[in-house]
Protein backbone atom coordinates (compact mmCIF):
# COMPACT_ATOMS: atom_id res chain seq x y z
CA UNK A 1 -43.61 -11.41 -16.72
CA UNK A 2 -40.98 -9.36 -17.48
CA UNK A 3 -38.26 -10.73 -15.37
CA UNK A 4 -36.69 -8.53 -12.90
CA UNK A 5 -33.95 -6.06 -14.14
CA UNK A 6 -29.93 -6.68 -12.19
CA UNK A 7 -29.02 -4.79 -9.00
CA UNK A 8 -26.57 -1.94 -10.78
CA UNK A 9 -23.11 -1.79 -9.24
CA UNK A 10 -23.97 1.62 -7.82
CA UNK A 11 -26.81 1.35 -6.07
CA UNK A 12 -25.77 -0.88 -3.22
CA UNK A 13 -21.68 -0.66 -3.60
CA UNK A 14 -19.52 1.69 -1.37
CA UNK A 15 -20.29 4.45 -0.75
CA UNK A 16 -17.21 6.61 -2.16
CA UNK A 17 -14.12 6.81 1.18
CA UNK A 18 -13.25 10.21 2.15
CA UNK A 19 -12.17 10.61 5.57
CA UNK A 20 -8.23 11.35 6.24
CA UNK A 21 -8.21 9.52 9.25
CA UNK A 22 -8.35 6.56 6.32
CA UNK A 23 -6.05 7.19 4.46
CA UNK A 24 -3.73 7.83 7.10
CA UNK A 25 -4.58 4.97 8.43
CA UNK A 26 -3.30 3.34 4.77
CA UNK A 27 -0.75 5.56 4.15
CA UNK A 28 1.69 5.02 7.45
CA UNK A 29 0.39 1.04 6.52
CA UNK A 30 2.27 1.59 3.34
CA UNK A 31 5.39 3.52 4.11
CA UNK A 32 5.68 0.74 7.22
CA UNK A 33 5.86 -2.02 4.99
CA UNK A 34 8.11 -0.92 1.93
CA UNK A 35 9.99 0.16 5.06
CA UNK A 36 10.30 -3.38 6.83
CA UNK A 37 10.81 -5.50 3.64
CA UNK A 38 13.15 -2.73 2.53
CA UNK A 39 15.51 -3.69 5.61
CA UNK A 40 14.95 -6.87 5.72
CA UNK A 41 14.57 -8.15 2.62
CA UNK A 42 17.25 -6.30 1.77
CA UNK A 43 16.47 -3.58 -0.79
CA UNK A 44 12.84 -5.51 -1.85
CA UNK A 45 10.40 -2.74 -2.24
CA UNK A 46 7.07 -4.96 -1.85
CA UNK A 47 4.44 -1.41 -2.30
CA UNK A 48 6.91 1.11 -4.54
CA UNK A 49 7.02 -1.74 -7.04
CA UNK A 50 9.49 0.01 -10.10
CA UNK A 51 12.00 0.79 -6.78
CA UNK A 52 12.93 -3.16 -7.82
CA UNK A 53 13.91 -2.01 -11.37
CA UNK A 54 16.96 1.33 -9.84
CA UNK A 55 18.37 -1.22 -7.73
CA UNK A 56 18.48 -4.10 -10.49
CA UNK A 57 20.23 -1.80 -12.39
CA UNK A 58 22.77 -1.36 -9.69
CA UNK A 59 23.36 -4.17 -9.07
CA UNK A 60 24.50 -5.11 -12.60
CA UNK A 61 26.57 -1.87 -12.17
CA UNK A 62 28.56 -3.64 -10.24
CA UNK A 63 27.28 -2.32 -6.66
CA UNK A 64 26.62 -5.14 -4.94
CA UNK A 65 23.09 -5.36 -4.55
CA UNK A 66 22.22 -8.97 -3.91
CA UNK A 67 18.33 -10.66 -5.04
CA UNK A 68 18.86 -9.17 -8.54
CA UNK A 69 15.63 -12.39 -9.06
CA UNK A 70 13.53 -11.16 -6.70
CA UNK A 71 13.57 -7.72 -7.96
CA UNK A 72 12.20 -9.52 -11.06
CA UNK A 73 9.98 -11.32 -10.13
CA UNK A 74 8.65 -8.69 -8.10
CA UNK A 75 6.79 -7.03 -11.01
CA UNK A 76 4.83 -10.20 -12.60
CA UNK A 77 3.89 -11.35 -8.89
CA UNK A 78 2.72 -7.02 -8.57
CA UNK A 79 0.56 -7.22 -11.69
CA UNK A 80 -1.16 -11.27 -10.69
CA UNK A 81 -2.32 -9.67 -7.53
CA UNK A 82 -3.29 -6.41 -8.86
CA UNK A 83 -5.19 -8.97 -11.45
CA UNK A 84 -6.67 -11.11 -8.73
CA UNK A 85 -7.83 -8.59 -6.71
CA UNK A 86 -9.49 -6.50 -9.78
CA UNK A 87 -11.60 -9.45 -10.58
CA UNK A 88 -12.59 -10.07 -7.40
CA UNK A 89 -13.76 -7.18 -7.34
CA UNK A 90 -15.34 -5.81 -10.12
CA UNK A 91 -17.51 -9.75 -9.53
CA UNK A 92 -18.76 -8.72 -6.28
CA UNK A 93 -19.82 -4.41 -7.21
CA UNK A 94 -21.61 -6.71 -10.55
CA UNK A 95 -23.80 -7.68 -7.44
CA UNK A 96 -23.81 -4.28 -5.41
CA UNK A 97 -22.04 -6.12 -2.67
CA UNK A 98 -19.84 -3.72 -0.83
CA UNK A 99 -16.14 -3.96 -2.18
CA UNK A 100 -13.02 -2.12 0.55
CA UNK A 101 -13.83 -3.73 3.51
CA UNK A 102 -13.56 -6.67 2.25
CA UNK A 103 -10.26 -5.50 0.24
CA UNK A 104 -8.25 -4.26 3.16
CA UNK A 105 -9.09 -7.93 5.24
CA UNK A 106 -7.88 -9.13 2.55
CA UNK A 107 -4.50 -7.43 2.45
CA UNK A 108 -5.04 -7.50 6.22
CA UNK A 109 -5.03 -11.33 5.83
CA UNK A 110 -1.99 -10.97 3.63
CA UNK A 111 0.32 -9.24 5.59
CA UNK A 112 -0.73 -11.38 8.18
CA UNK A 113 1.36 -14.46 6.40
CA UNK A 114 3.48 -12.32 5.94
CA UNK A 115 4.70 -12.10 8.57
CA UNK A 116 4.10 -15.50 10.15
CA UNK A 117 6.45 -16.19 7.34
CA UNK A 118 9.31 -13.99 7.71
CA UNK A 119 9.60 -15.32 11.48
CA UNK A 120 9.82 -18.82 10.61
CA UNK A 121 12.33 -18.09 8.35
CA UNK A 122 14.05 -15.43 8.54
CA UNK A 123 15.83 -13.58 9.38
CA UNK A 124 18.18 -13.08 5.58
CA UNK A 125 21.63 -13.93 5.21
CA UNK A 126 20.59 -12.08 2.38
CA UNK A 127 18.11 -11.62 -0.68
CA UNK A 128 18.73 -14.23 -3.09
CA UNK A 129 17.57 -17.52 -1.36
CA UNK A 130 14.50 -19.00 -1.92
CA UNK A 131 12.50 -18.54 1.28
CA UNK A 132 13.37 -15.36 1.11
CA UNK A 133 12.15 -14.16 -2.72
CA UNK A 134 9.29 -15.84 -2.07
CA UNK A 135 8.81 -14.41 1.98
CA UNK A 136 9.68 -11.06 -0.66
CA UNK A 137 6.57 -11.69 -3.04
CA UNK A 138 4.13 -12.74 -0.30
CA UNK A 139 4.96 -8.62 1.17
CA UNK A 140 4.81 -7.59 -2.54
CA UNK A 141 1.06 -10.06 -3.48
CA UNK A 142 -0.13 -8.25 -0.03
CA UNK A 143 0.34 -5.07 -0.76
CA UNK A 144 -0.25 -4.88 -4.69
CA UNK A 145 -3.89 -4.78 -2.64
CA UNK A 146 -3.80 -1.53 -1.13
CA UNK A 147 -2.57 -0.29 -4.70
CA UNK A 148 -5.90 -2.08 -6.23
CA UNK A 149 -7.30 -0.22 -3.36
CA UNK A 150 -5.85 2.68 -4.39
CA UNK A 151 -6.85 2.90 -8.12
CA UNK A 152 -11.03 2.57 -6.57
CA UNK A 153 -12.20 2.46 -3.25
CA UNK A 154 -10.16 4.67 -2.01
CA UNK A 155 -9.34 6.68 -4.52
CA UNK A 156 -10.50 10.37 -3.66
CA UNK A 157 -7.92 9.94 -0.75
CA UNK A 158 -4.58 10.88 -1.35
CA UNK A 159 -2.33 8.26 -2.86
CA UNK A 160 -1.30 6.16 0.45
CA UNK A 161 1.68 3.88 -1.39
CA UNK A 162 3.85 7.28 -3.72
CA UNK A 163 4.21 9.69 -1.83
CA UNK A 164 6.24 11.33 -4.86
CA UNK A 165 3.51 12.99 -6.39
CA UNK A 166 1.89 13.54 -3.29
CA UNK A 167 5.09 15.53 -1.69
CA UNK A 168 5.41 17.68 -5.00
CA UNK A 169 2.23 19.01 -5.35
CA UNK A 170 1.68 19.95 -1.17
CA UNK A 171 5.30 22.03 -2.00
CA UNK A 172 3.73 23.60 -5.97
CA UNK A 173 0.56 23.88 -3.00
CA UNK A 174 2.14 26.02 -0.24
CA UNK A 175 4.29 27.94 -2.79
CA UNK A 176 1.07 29.38 -4.12
CA UNK A 177 -0.56 29.91 -0.70
CA UNK A 178 2.57 31.36 0.66
CA UNK A 179 2.64 33.54 -2.63
CA UNK A 180 -1.12 34.90 -2.96
CA UNK A 181 -1.28 32.31 -6.37
CA UNK A 182 -4.66 32.12 -8.26
CA UNK A 183 -5.86 29.58 -7.08
CA UNK A 184 -5.50 29.13 -3.02
CA UNK A 185 -8.15 28.42 -2.00
CA UNK A 186 -8.05 24.99 -3.65
CA UNK A 187 -4.80 25.21 -2.84
CA UNK A 188 -5.50 25.74 0.98
CA UNK A 189 -7.98 22.83 0.18
CA UNK A 190 -5.29 19.88 -1.36
CA UNK A 191 -3.05 21.38 1.94
CA UNK A 192 -5.55 20.29 4.41
CA UNK A 193 -5.86 16.80 2.38
CA UNK A 194 -2.68 15.85 1.91
CA UNK A 195 -0.12 16.61 4.71
CA UNK A 196 -1.80 14.40 7.09
CA UNK A 197 -0.93 11.30 4.78
CA UNK A 198 2.36 11.95 3.51
CA UNK A 199 3.25 12.78 8.06
CA UNK A 200 1.89 9.03 8.82
CA UNK A 201 3.19 7.65 6.02
CA UNK A 202 6.31 9.72 7.12
CA UNK A 203 6.30 8.13 9.96
CA UNK A 204 5.47 4.29 9.39
CA UNK A 205 8.94 4.87 7.41
CA UNK A 206 11.02 5.26 10.21
CA UNK A 207 8.50 2.41 12.59
CA UNK A 208 9.10 0.41 9.68
CA UNK A 209 12.51 0.08 10.32
CA UNK A 210 13.11 1.43 14.16
CA UNK A 211 10.45 -2.04 14.42
CA UNK A 212 12.50 -4.67 12.51
CA UNK A 213 15.47 -3.45 14.09
CA UNK A 214 14.43 -4.28 17.91
CA UNK A 215 11.72 -7.20 16.70
CA UNK A 216 11.96 -8.16 13.24
CA UNK A 217 9.05 -8.92 11.25
CA UNK A 218 6.45 -9.04 14.47
CA UNK A 219 6.42 -5.29 13.71
CA UNK A 220 4.14 -5.90 11.45
CA UNK A 221 1.97 -6.28 13.48
CA UNK A 222 1.41 -1.88 13.83
CA UNK A 223 0.13 -2.65 9.71
CA UNK A 224 -1.78 -5.06 11.24
CA UNK A 225 -3.16 -3.42 13.68
CA UNK A 226 -3.40 -0.72 11.39
CA UNK A 227 -5.93 -2.64 9.19
CA UNK A 228 -7.64 -3.93 11.65
CA UNK A 229 -8.82 -0.62 13.21
CA UNK A 230 -9.58 0.23 9.71
CA UNK A 231 -11.37 -1.63 8.90
CA UNK A 232 -13.53 -1.42 11.16
CA UNK A 233 -13.83 2.21 10.28
CA UNK A 234 -15.29 0.82 7.20
CA UNK A 235 -17.67 -1.89 8.90
CA UNK A 236 -19.94 1.31 11.19
CA UNK A 237 -19.96 3.65 8.24
């Protein structure tokens, strides 16, 4: 008797996530965590990790930025986080299992750990101490999960951690609409899709800075709640 064929991942794995509300929660989280980390950890980007190289260059030019070691370690830490997240995701997909909700749950756990570690050993006098570096790399690991998810299960949503490309496309589309350029219908569709997460990212960035100024690392409760809300919406699907 022939053995049963394995379940194809596409048969039971996640349906593509397309809800604008999902994208706004992710974008708010991305802007909030990156800004709070930048302020609290003396210029460390936790989500937009390649931006750390600009600050490393500035430090080497004598601009006074502290914590060069932490910024150097951010990229390999991010790479390890992405690789581990992807391996976890592929393992589940091969068995036709959900990946979107587990990835959000893992990121949520990582953010809670980042927050509690920051509360426990912060605030920091400078970014070069081992405690500051360790806490910062915990934030990088948490945000590596979101970056991986945004390229896979959330790929149909507007990117939620780096907004440069989104803003560029948004401005181009607004110009096309204003000048009635060819493809105006597609431009309008892209604008409707892009502006909510861009706005949510901006709000998250402002909230992250203000939140840290008032309550320190406890401000990370806000993106934790955003991820909890996203997890609830995913479980309802």
